[in-house]
Amino acid sequence: MMSLLELEKGKEGRVVLIQAGRGLINKLDGLGIRPGVSVKKKSVSLVESPILISVGRTQIAIGRGMASKIMVETGKK
């Protein structure tokens, strides 16, 4: 298990845990990001910039702090 921030660009992972308070969990849920959902890391640019992910056919930019709270599994051990 690793954070979405640690996931390599171009790789896909399944959300297993969101380590955040109710407010952020609800916000992410509204974006379609919840445990059991597959997400793909599309791009990473500068150190302080958001990362681009895809959830289904939707692309979403999220901040690095938010991405660090989303724990994913890739299927690789």
Protein backbone atom coordinates (compact mmCIF):
# COMPACT_ATOMS: atom_id res chain seq x y z
CA MET A 1 0.00 0.00 0.00
CA MET A 2 1.25 3.49 -0.89
CA SER A 3 -0.14 6.98 -1.21
CA LEU A 4 -1.44 8.19 -4.55
CA LEU A 5 1.37 10.74 -4.43
CA GLU A 6 3.91 7.86 -4.45
CA LEU A 7 2.25 6.00 -7.32
CA GLU A 8 4.30 6.21 -10.53
CA LYS A 9 3.05 8.28 -13.45
CA GLY A 10 1.02 6.12 -15.84
CA LYS A 11 0.28 3.46 -13.21
CA GLU A 12 -3.12 2.49 -11.89
CA GLY A 13 -4.09 1.65 -8.33
CA ARG A 14 -7.20 0.77 -6.37
CA VAL A 15 -8.14 3.10 -3.53
CA VAL A 16 -8.07 1.15 -0.25
CA LEU A 17 -8.11 3.90 2.38
CA ILE A 18 -8.47 7.65 2.69
CA GLN A 19 -6.60 8.95 5.74
CA ALA A 20 -8.53 12.17 6.25
CA GLY A 21 -11.36 13.80 8.13
CA ARG A 22 -15.01 13.58 7.16
CA GLY A 23 -14.92 16.83 5.15
CA LEU A 24 -12.17 15.69 2.79
CA ILE A 25 -13.61 12.19 2.54
CA ASN A 26 -16.95 13.70 1.47
CA LYS A 27 -15.24 16.02 -1.04
CA LEU A 28 -13.31 13.13 -2.59
CA ASP A 29 -16.46 11.00 -2.64
CA GLY A 30 -18.16 13.77 -4.63
CA LEU A 31 -15.32 13.52 -7.16
CA GLY A 32 -15.79 9.74 -7.42
CA ILE A 33 -12.70 8.91 -5.36
CA ARG A 34 -13.60 6.34 -2.70
CA PRO A 35 -12.34 2.95 -1.48
CA GLY A 36 -12.67 0.28 -4.16
CA VAL A 37 -12.34 2.70 -7.10
CA SER A 38 -9.46 2.43 -9.58
CA VAL A 39 -7.49 5.60 -10.26
CA LYS A 40 -4.68 6.23 -12.73
CA LYS A 41 -1.96 8.82 -12.19
CA LYS A 42 -1.75 10.76 -15.46
CA SER A 43 0.84 13.45 -14.82
CA VAL A 44 3.04 15.13 -12.29
CA SER A 45 4.81 18.41 -12.94
CA LEU A 46 6.52 20.86 -10.64
CA VAL A 47 7.05 20.17 -6.95
CA GLU A 48 4.19 22.34 -5.69
CA SER A 49 1.69 21.78 -8.51
CA PRO A 50 -1.35 19.49 -8.46
CA ILE A 51 -1.28 16.01 -9.95
CA LEU A 52 -3.64 14.85 -12.68
CA ILE A 53 -5.48 11.57 -12.19
CA SER A 54 -8.23 9.77 -14.04
CA VAL A 55 -11.19 8.12 -12.37
CA GLY A 56 -13.07 6.19 -15.01
CA ARG A 57 -13.24 8.54 -18.00
CA THR A 58 -12.98 11.69 -15.87
CA GLN A 59 -9.70 13.55 -15.34
CA ILE A 60 -9.25 15.38 -12.03
CA ALA A 61 -6.46 17.62 -10.75
CA ILE A 62 -5.89 17.28 -7.01
CA GLY A 63 -3.37 18.83 -4.68
CA ARG A 64 -0.38 16.93 -3.41
CA GLY A 65 -1.60 17.09 0.19
CA MET A 66 -4.89 15.51 -0.83
CA ALA A 67 -3.09 12.86 -2.91
CA SER A 68 -0.88 11.96 0.05
CA LYS A 69 -4.00 11.00 2.06
CA ILE A 70 -5.33 8.58 -0.58
CA MET A 71 -3.85 5.11 -0.08
CA VAL A 72 -3.80 2.76 -3.07
CA GLU A 73 -2.76 -0.79 -3.94
CA THR A 74 -1.38 -1.67 -7.35
CA GLY A 75 -1.70 -5.43 -7.24
CA LYS A 76 2.10 -5.76 -7.17
CA LYS A 77 3.63 -7.00 -3.95
